[in-house]
N, C-alpha and C. Protein backbone atom coordinates (compact mmCIF):
# COMPACT_ATOMS: atom_id res chain seq x y z
N MET A 1 27.54 122.08 15.07
CA MET A 1 28.39 121.01 16.32
C MET A 1 29.20 120.66 15.29
N LYS A 2 28.27 119.80 14.09
CA LYS A 2 30.07 119.62 12.67
C LYS A 2 30.22 120.34 12.70
N GLN A 3 29.96 121.36 12.42
CA GLN A 3 30.65 122.43 11.64
C GLN A 3 31.60 122.54 12.49
N THR A 4 31.53 122.91 13.61
CA THR A 4 33.24 123.00 14.81
C THR A 4 34.04 121.47 15.09
N VAL A 5 33.99 120.69 14.77
CA VAL A 5 33.88 119.69 14.81
C VAL A 5 35.30 119.69 13.07
N ILE A 6 34.54 120.41 12.70
CA ILE A 6 35.78 120.36 10.93
C ILE A 6 36.95 121.42 11.27
N VAL A 7 36.45 122.76 11.43
CA VAL A 7 36.93 124.06 11.54
C VAL A 7 38.06 123.41 12.89
N THR A 8 37.41 122.66 14.01
CA THR A 8 38.59 122.15 14.58
C THR A 8 40.16 121.29 14.07
N LEU A 9 39.29 120.03 13.51
CA LEU A 9 39.79 119.54 12.53
C LEU A 9 41.01 120.14 11.35
N LEU A 10 40.33 120.78 10.58
CA LEU A 10 40.96 121.86 9.40
C LEU A 10 42.05 122.64 10.45
N VAL A 11 42.12 122.82 12.17
CA VAL A 11 43.16 124.06 12.17
C VAL A 11 44.20 123.34 12.84
N ILE A 12 44.55 121.93 13.61
CA ILE A 12 44.70 121.41 14.01
C ILE A 12 45.74 120.08 12.86
N LEU A 13 45.21 120.25 11.54
CA LEU A 13 45.40 119.76 10.50
C LEU A 13 46.62 120.76 9.68
N LEU A 14 46.06 122.32 9.59
CA LEU A 14 47.00 123.39 9.23
C LEU A 14 48.24 123.61 9.89
N THR A 15 48.09 123.63 11.64
CA THR A 15 49.22 123.80 12.59
C THR A 15 49.57 122.61 12.46
N ALA A 16 49.69 121.19 12.58
CA ALA A 16 50.66 120.01 12.05
C ALA A 16 51.66 120.33 10.84
N GLY A 17 50.63 120.28 9.68
CA GLY A 17 51.00 120.88 8.41
C GLY A 17 52.08 121.84 8.78
N MET A 18 52.33 122.92 9.35
CA MET A 18 53.08 124.48 9.54
C MET A 18 54.65 124.11 10.58
N LEU A 19 54.19 123.23 11.30
CA LEU A 19 55.46 123.20 12.34
C LEU A 19 55.79 121.74 11.56
N ALA A 20 55.45 120.64 10.61
CA ALA A 20 56.04 119.62 10.36
C ALA A 20 56.87 120.44 9.06
N ALA A 21 56.28 121.82 8.09
CA ALA A 21 57.65 122.42 7.39
C ALA A 21 58.61 122.85 7.97
N ILE A 22 58.46 123.39 9.00
CA ILE A 22 59.40 124.34 9.69
C ILE A 22 60.31 123.88 10.10
N VAL A 23 59.88 122.29 10.52
CA VAL A 23 60.83 121.16 11.19
C VAL A 23 61.91 120.62 10.44
N TRP A 24 61.16 120.03 9.01
CA TRP A 24 61.71 120.09 7.92
C TRP A 24 62.43 121.13 6.97
N GLY A 25 62.15 122.04 6.92
CA GLY A 25 63.20 123.19 6.36
C GLY A 25 64.07 123.51 7.00
N SER A 26 64.45 123.40 8.88
CA SER A 26 65.30 123.52 9.46
C SER A 26 66.23 122.36 9.62
N GLN A 27 65.68 121.43 9.59
CA GLN A 27 66.87 120.25 9.28
C GLN A 27 67.49 119.95 8.14
N GLY A 28 66.88 121.08 6.68
CA GLY A 28 68.04 120.54 5.58
C GLY A 28 68.97 122.14 5.61
N LYS A 29 68.46 123.54 6.56
CA LYS A 29 69.23 124.19 6.82
C LYS A 29 70.51 123.52 7.67
N LYS A 30 70.24 123.38 8.75
CA LYS A 30 71.40 122.15 9.93
C LYS A 30 72.29 121.95 8.77
N THR A 31 72.10 120.65 7.95
CA THR A 31 72.14 120.12 7.02
C THR A 31 73.23 121.28 6.29
N SER A 32 72.95 121.88 5.41
CA SER A 32 73.59 123.25 5.06
C SER A 32 74.98 123.83 4.87
N GLN A 33 74.19 124.29 6.73
CA GLN A 33 75.63 124.75 7.43
C GLN A 33 76.47 123.52 7.64
N VAL A 34 76.50 122.34 8.16
CA VAL A 34 77.67 121.34 8.48
C VAL A 34 78.30 120.67 7.29
N LYS A 35 77.72 120.73 5.92
CA LYS A 35 78.21 120.63 4.96
C LYS A 35 78.81 122.35 4.28
N ASN A 36 79.25 123.31 5.00
CA ASN A 36 79.83 124.70 4.63
C ASN A 36 80.81 124.18 5.10
N SER A 37 80.37 124.54 6.33
CA SER A 37 81.62 124.49 7.33
C SER A 37 82.92 123.61 7.25
N GLN A 38 82.02 121.77 6.97
CA GLN A 38 83.21 121.06 6.31
C GLN A 38 83.66 121.18 5.20
N ASP A 39 83.56 122.08 3.98
CA ASP A 39 84.16 122.09 3.31
C ASP A 39 84.63 123.66 2.93
N THR A 40 84.75 124.71 4.71
CA THR A 40 85.91 124.73 4.25
C THR A 40 87.24 124.71 5.65
N ILE A 41 87.28 122.96 6.27
CA ILE A 41 88.00 122.54 6.53
C ILE A 41 88.46 122.33 6.00
N GLU A 42 89.62 122.28 6.39
CA GLU A 42 90.71 121.56 4.86
C GLU A 42 91.87 120.60 5.50
N THR A 43 91.10 119.13 4.79
CA THR A 43 90.86 118.00 5.36
C THR A 43 92.32 117.31 4.57
N LYS A 44 92.82 116.17 6.14
CA LYS A 44 94.42 115.90 5.42
C LYS A 44 94.54 114.03 5.62
N THR A 45 94.73 113.43 4.80
CA THR A 45 94.58 112.42 5.34
C THR A 45 95.65 111.75 6.55
N PRO A 46 96.15 111.49 6.86
CA PRO A 46 96.90 111.30 8.35
C PRO A 46 98.77 110.10 7.46
N ASP A 47 98.65 111.07 6.40
CA ASP A 47 100.29 110.83 5.35
C ASP A 47 100.40 112.06 5.06
N GLU A 48 99.32 112.53 5.22
CA GLU A 48 99.05 114.04 4.41
C GLU A 48 99.85 114.90 5.60
N VAL A 49 99.85 114.25 6.94
CA VAL A 49 100.46 115.11 7.57
C VAL A 49 101.77 115.18 8.32
N LYS A 50 102.04 116.27 7.68
CA LYS A 50 103.63 115.94 8.24
C LYS A 50 104.20 116.67 9.68
N ASN A 51 105.01 116.64 9.87
CA ASN A 51 105.65 117.13 11.37
C ASN A 51 107.30 117.49 10.45
N ASN A 52 107.70 117.52 9.80
CA ASN A 52 109.24 117.68 9.36
C ASN A 52 110.13 116.84 10.42
N GLY A 53 110.10 116.27 11.03
CA GLY A 53 111.36 115.59 12.15
C GLY A 53 110.46 116.27 13.39
N ASP A 54 109.91 117.42 13.13
CA ASP A 54 109.00 117.47 15.33
C ASP A 54 107.62 117.12 15.71
N PRO A 55 108.54 116.60 16.79
CA PRO A 55 106.99 116.21 17.60
C PRO A 55 105.24 116.97 17.38
N ILE A 56 104.19 117.20 17.20
CA ILE A 56 103.27 118.09 17.04
C ILE A 56 102.58 117.56 18.46
N PHE A 57 102.42 118.64 19.00
CA PHE A 57 101.74 118.17 20.03
C PHE A 57 100.26 119.22 20.15
N TYR A 58 99.23 118.48 20.54
CA TYR A 58 98.10 118.41 20.11
C TYR A 58 97.49 118.32 21.74
N TYR A 59 96.72 119.81 22.45
CA TYR A 59 96.32 120.09 23.26
C TYR A 59 94.98 121.13 23.20
N GLY A 60 94.28 120.82 25.29
CA GLY A 60 93.04 122.26 24.22
C GLY A 60 93.44 122.99 24.85
N ASN A 61 92.73 123.74 25.06
CA ASN A 61 93.15 125.64 25.98
C ASN A 61 92.18 125.76 27.01
N THR A 62 91.86 124.48 28.05
CA THR A 62 91.39 124.32 28.88
C THR A 62 91.65 123.17 29.80
N CYS A 63 91.99 122.28 29.33
CA CYS A 63 92.32 120.54 29.36
C CYS A 63 93.54 121.24 30.62
N PRO A 64 93.05 120.89 32.00
CA PRO A 64 94.39 120.75 33.17
C PRO A 64 95.51 119.64 33.57
N HIS A 65 95.46 118.93 31.82
CA HIS A 65 96.96 117.62 32.17
C HIS A 65 98.07 118.21 31.13
N CYS A 66 97.32 118.77 30.06
CA CYS A 66 97.19 119.36 29.28
C CYS A 66 98.27 120.58 29.39
N ALA A 67 98.22 121.82 30.77
CA ALA A 67 98.52 122.44 31.04
C ALA A 67 99.62 122.36 32.06
N ASP A 68 99.87 121.14 32.60
CA ASP A 68 100.84 120.36 33.42
C ASP A 68 101.96 120.36 32.16
N VAL A 69 101.85 119.14 30.84
CA VAL A 69 102.59 119.42 30.09
C VAL A 69 103.23 120.77 29.94
N GLU A 70 102.13 121.68 29.40
CA GLU A 70 103.21 122.93 28.92
C GLU A 70 103.73 123.70 30.06
N GLU A 71 103.07 123.98 31.50
CA GLU A 71 104.61 123.66 32.62
C GLU A 71 105.21 123.93 32.89
N TRP A 72 105.80 122.04 32.41
CA TRP A 72 106.68 121.45 32.30
C TRP A 72 107.81 121.71 31.56
N MET A 73 107.52 121.45 29.65
CA MET A 73 107.84 122.69 28.52
C MET A 73 108.62 123.32 29.28
N LYS A 74 107.80 124.95 29.73
CA LYS A 74 108.31 126.09 30.63
C LYS A 74 109.45 126.17 31.31
N GLU A 75 109.06 125.28 32.00
CA GLU A 75 109.48 125.17 33.47
C GLU A 75 111.48 124.36 33.33
N ASN A 76 111.00 123.69 31.92
CA ASN A 76 112.15 122.68 31.46
C ASN A 76 113.14 123.72 29.57
N LYS A 77 112.00 124.80 29.67
CA LYS A 77 112.59 125.59 28.35
C LYS A 77 113.32 124.39 27.15
N LEU A 78 112.01 123.64 27.28
CA LEU A 78 111.98 122.28 25.87
C LEU A 78 111.96 123.66 24.52
N GLU A 79 111.29 124.16 24.46
CA GLU A 79 111.55 125.26 23.29
C GLU A 79 112.79 125.69 23.31
N GLU A 80 113.07 126.18 23.56
CA GLU A 80 114.61 127.11 23.46
C GLU A 80 115.45 125.45 22.42
N LYS A 81 115.26 124.32 23.13
CA LYS A 81 116.59 123.60 22.86
C LYS A 81 115.87 122.17 21.85
N VAL A 82 113.98 122.10 21.79
CA VAL A 82 113.39 121.13 21.08
C VAL A 82 112.40 122.09 19.93
N LYS A 83 112.25 121.96 18.63
CA LYS A 83 110.88 122.64 18.57
C LYS A 83 109.90 121.56 18.31
N VAL A 84 108.89 122.48 18.84
CA VAL A 84 107.62 121.80 18.80
C VAL A 84 106.27 122.38 18.25
N ILE A 85 105.68 121.70 17.59
CA ILE A 85 104.82 121.53 16.47
C ILE A 85 103.33 121.44 17.72
N LYS A 86 102.47 122.98 17.93
CA LYS A 86 101.71 122.81 19.22
C LYS A 86 100.23 123.03 18.31
N LYS A 87 99.03 122.28 18.17
CA LYS A 87 98.08 122.49 17.11
C LYS A 87 96.99 122.89 18.71
N GLU A 88 95.58 123.57 18.82
CA GLU A 88 95.15 123.50 19.81
C GLU A 88 93.43 123.29 18.92
N VAL A 89 92.95 122.07 19.56
CA VAL A 89 91.83 120.82 19.32
C VAL A 89 90.27 121.60 19.48
N TYR A 90 90.13 122.51 20.52
CA TYR A 90 89.14 122.36 21.20
C TYR A 90 88.48 123.80 20.42
N ASP A 91 89.29 124.70 19.85
CA ASP A 91 88.31 125.88 19.64
C ASP A 91 88.67 125.72 18.29
N ASN A 92 89.62 124.68 17.72
CA ASN A 92 90.57 124.66 16.35
C ASN A 92 89.87 123.38 15.45
N LYS A 93 88.57 123.59 14.88
CA LYS A 93 88.65 122.52 13.83
C LYS A 93 88.99 121.90 13.35
N ALA A 94 89.82 122.50 12.40
CA ALA A 94 90.57 122.16 11.38
C ALA A 94 91.96 121.21 11.85
N ASN A 95 92.26 121.87 13.78
CA ASN A 95 92.79 120.54 14.45
C ASN A 95 92.26 119.17 14.58
N ALA A 96 91.13 119.68 14.82
CA ALA A 96 90.50 118.51 15.88
C ALA A 96 90.38 117.74 15.08
N LEU A 97 90.26 118.01 14.15
CA LEU A 97 90.30 117.18 12.67
C LEU A 97 91.34 116.44 11.93
N GLU A 98 92.47 116.94 12.43
CA GLU A 98 93.35 116.26 11.58
C GLU A 98 93.60 115.20 13.45
N LEU A 99 94.10 115.83 14.10
CA LEU A 99 94.35 114.86 15.16
C LEU A 99 93.56 113.77 15.46
N SER A 100 91.85 113.31 14.84
CA SER A 100 91.28 112.43 14.72
C SER A 100 91.92 111.53 13.43
N GLN A 101 92.34 112.31 12.85
CA GLN A 101 93.22 111.96 12.08
C GLN A 101 95.11 110.52 11.70
N VAL A 102 95.66 111.53 12.50
CA VAL A 102 97.01 111.49 13.12
C VAL A 102 96.28 109.74 13.69
N ALA A 103 95.09 109.81 15.03
CA ALA A 103 95.18 109.00 15.72
C ALA A 103 94.41 107.41 15.03
N GLN A 104 94.35 107.69 14.74
CA GLN A 104 93.42 106.84 13.69
C GLN A 104 94.59 106.08 12.64
N LYS A 105 95.84 106.96 12.56
CA LYS A 105 97.36 106.31 11.58
C LYS A 105 97.80 105.64 13.02
N CYS A 106 97.58 105.58 14.11
CA CYS A 106 98.07 104.52 14.62
C CYS A 106 96.63 103.72 15.39
N GLY A 107 96.02 103.82 14.90
CA GLY A 107 95.14 102.67 15.81
C GLY A 107 94.62 103.02 16.59
N ILE A 108 94.40 104.63 16.78
CA ILE A 108 93.61 104.38 18.08
C ILE A 108 92.00 104.74 18.23
N SER A 109 91.15 103.86 18.28
CA SER A 109 89.88 104.28 18.35
C SER A 109 88.96 105.56 18.63
N THR A 110 88.17 106.21 17.76
CA THR A 110 87.77 107.50 17.86
C THR A 110 87.89 108.40 19.86
N ASN A 111 86.87 107.19 20.32
CA ASN A 111 86.77 107.50 21.93
C ASN A 111 87.52 107.02 22.66
N SER A 112 88.92 106.52 22.12
CA SER A 112 89.99 106.88 22.94
C SER A 112 91.42 107.70 22.66
N ILE A 113 90.52 108.74 21.67
CA ILE A 113 91.30 109.94 21.55
C ILE A 113 90.71 110.82 22.72
N GLY A 114 92.21 111.44 23.56
CA GLY A 114 91.78 112.04 24.51
C GLY A 114 93.69 113.73 24.13
N VAL A 115 93.05 114.54 24.72
CA VAL A 115 94.73 115.55 24.91
C VAL A 115 95.16 115.49 26.33
N PRO A 116 96.13 115.72 26.45
CA PRO A 116 97.03 115.82 25.97
C PRO A 116 97.39 114.88 24.80
N PHE A 117 97.93 115.07 23.47
CA PHE A 117 98.34 114.01 22.34
C PHE A 117 100.12 114.26 22.33
N LEU A 118 100.77 113.31 21.74
CA LEU A 118 101.90 113.90 20.71
C LEU A 118 102.16 112.54 20.27
N TYR A 119 102.68 113.28 18.43
CA TYR A 119 102.74 112.66 17.71
C TYR A 119 103.98 113.26 17.18
N THR A 120 104.07 111.34 17.14
CA THR A 120 106.74 112.07 17.58
C THR A 120 106.76 111.97 15.28
N PRO A 121 107.81 112.56 15.28
CA PRO A 121 108.37 112.35 13.78
C PRO A 121 108.77 110.80 13.71
N GLU A 122 108.45 109.50 14.75
CA GLU A 122 108.84 108.84 14.74
C GLU A 122 107.30 107.80 13.76
N GLY A 123 106.49 108.56 13.87
CA GLY A 123 104.97 107.77 14.19
C GLY A 123 104.43 107.59 15.54
N LYS A 124 104.91 107.66 16.00
CA LYS A 124 104.59 106.89 17.25
C LYS A 124 102.66 108.02 17.56
N CYS A 125 102.03 107.63 18.80
CA CYS A 125 101.01 108.74 18.93
C CYS A 125 100.77 108.33 20.23
N LEU A 126 101.15 109.53 21.81
CA LEU A 126 101.28 109.29 23.36
C LEU A 126 100.28 110.48 23.36
N ILE A 127 100.07 109.09 24.39
CA ILE A 127 98.54 109.97 25.28
C ILE A 127 98.16 110.59 26.99
N GLY A 128 98.70 111.29 27.06
CA GLY A 128 98.62 111.40 28.14
C GLY A 128 99.93 111.63 29.32
N THR A 129 100.15 113.07 30.16
CA THR A 129 101.28 113.53 30.16
C THR A 129 102.51 112.89 31.40
N PRO A 130 102.58 111.73 31.57
CA PRO A 130 103.39 111.26 32.27
C PRO A 130 103.99 110.96 30.48
N ASP A 131 103.35 109.91 29.82
CA ASP A 131 104.07 109.03 28.27
C ASP A 131 104.86 110.65 27.62
N ILE A 132 104.18 111.84 27.27
CA ILE A 132 104.60 113.03 27.13
C ILE A 132 105.69 113.47 27.52
N ILE A 133 105.38 113.86 28.61
CA ILE A 133 106.77 114.19 29.69
C ILE A 133 107.62 113.28 29.42
N ASP A 134 107.63 111.85 29.20
CA ASP A 134 109.30 110.82 29.67
C ASP A 134 109.56 111.41 27.75
N TYR A 135 109.16 111.75 26.56
CA TYR A 135 108.93 111.36 25.50
C TYR A 135 109.95 113.11 25.47
N PHE A 136 109.30 114.37 25.46
CA PHE A 136 110.29 115.15 25.93
C PHE A 136 111.46 115.15 26.80
N SER A 137 111.38 114.06 27.80
CA SER A 137 112.64 114.17 28.65
C SER A 137 113.96 113.80 27.42
N GLU A 138 113.56 112.72 27.29
CA GLU A 138 114.56 112.16 26.15
C GLU A 138 115.04 112.87 24.97
N ARG A 139 114.07 113.55 24.49
CA ARG A 139 114.95 114.42 23.28
C ARG A 139 115.75 115.97 24.10
N LEU A 140 114.98 116.06 25.17
CA LEU A 140 115.91 116.41 25.73
C LEU A 140 117.20 116.60 26.37
N LYS A 141 117.23 115.23 26.74
CA LYS A 141 119.07 114.67 26.98
C LYS A 141 119.15 114.54 25.54
N ALA A 142 118.56 114.03 24.45
CA ALA A 142 119.61 113.90 23.23
C ALA A 142 120.18 115.50 22.46
N ALA A 143 119.04 116.48 22.93
CA ALA A 143 119.66 117.23 22.39
C ALA A 143 120.86 118.14 23.31
N SER A 144 121.09 117.92 24.64
CA SER A 144 121.82 118.34 25.28
C SER A 144 123.26 117.83 24.74
N GLU A 145 123.43 115.85 24.80
CA GLU A 145 124.05 115.30 24.78
C GLU A 145 124.82 115.49 22.74
N SER A 146 123.50 116.02 21.92
CA SER A 146 124.32 116.39 20.95
C SER A 146 124.69 117.35 20.78
N SER A 147 124.90 119.04 22.23
CA SER A 147 125.24 119.75 21.87
C SER A 147 126.71 119.96 22.75
N THR A 148 126.74 118.66 23.22
CA THR A 148 128.09 118.68 23.94
C THR A 148 128.89 117.78 22.94
N LEU A 149 128.49 117.48 22.10
CA LEU A 149 129.24 116.94 20.99
C LEU A 149 130.17 117.72 20.19
N SER A 150 128.84 118.84 20.14
CA SER A 150 129.78 119.83 19.72
C SER A 150 130.55 120.67 19.43
N LYS A 151 130.72 120.66 20.63
CA LYS A 151 131.80 121.83 21.35
C LYS A 151 132.96 121.15 21.46
C-alpha cells in the first residue's frame, strides 16, 4: 500500500514537472517569436512619418466605413486631382504601428484609434468618414480652384 502511494506521488510529480517544463518552454518561444517579428517591423517615430505634403489615409481592408470613404474617393475621382497615400493597417503590422505613432503625435489615446483615419500634411489627425470626406471635399475644391486659376 505504501509503495503504491509513493509510486503514484512520483508519477504525479513527474507529470507536473513535465507540464511545467512544456509551459515554460513554450512561453520562451512566444517571447522570442514576438521579439523577432518586432525586429523586422520598421519602427518610426511620429516625427519620422513623412507625408511629403500628401494626406495619408489609413484603412482596414474589411472596414465598412473605410469602404465608404474609398467609394467616395472613386466617385469623385479624388486621386486624379489630389495625391493620397493609402496604408492598410489590418494585415500590415508596420502600417498599424505607424498609425499608432501618428495618433500618439496627435494626442489620441491608443483605445481611441480607429479607421478610417487620415493624417493631413498640416499634422492633423481625422477619424471617421464624415471628417475625412469633409477634408477631401475641401482639397478637391482647392485643387479645382488652382487649376481654374492656372488656365
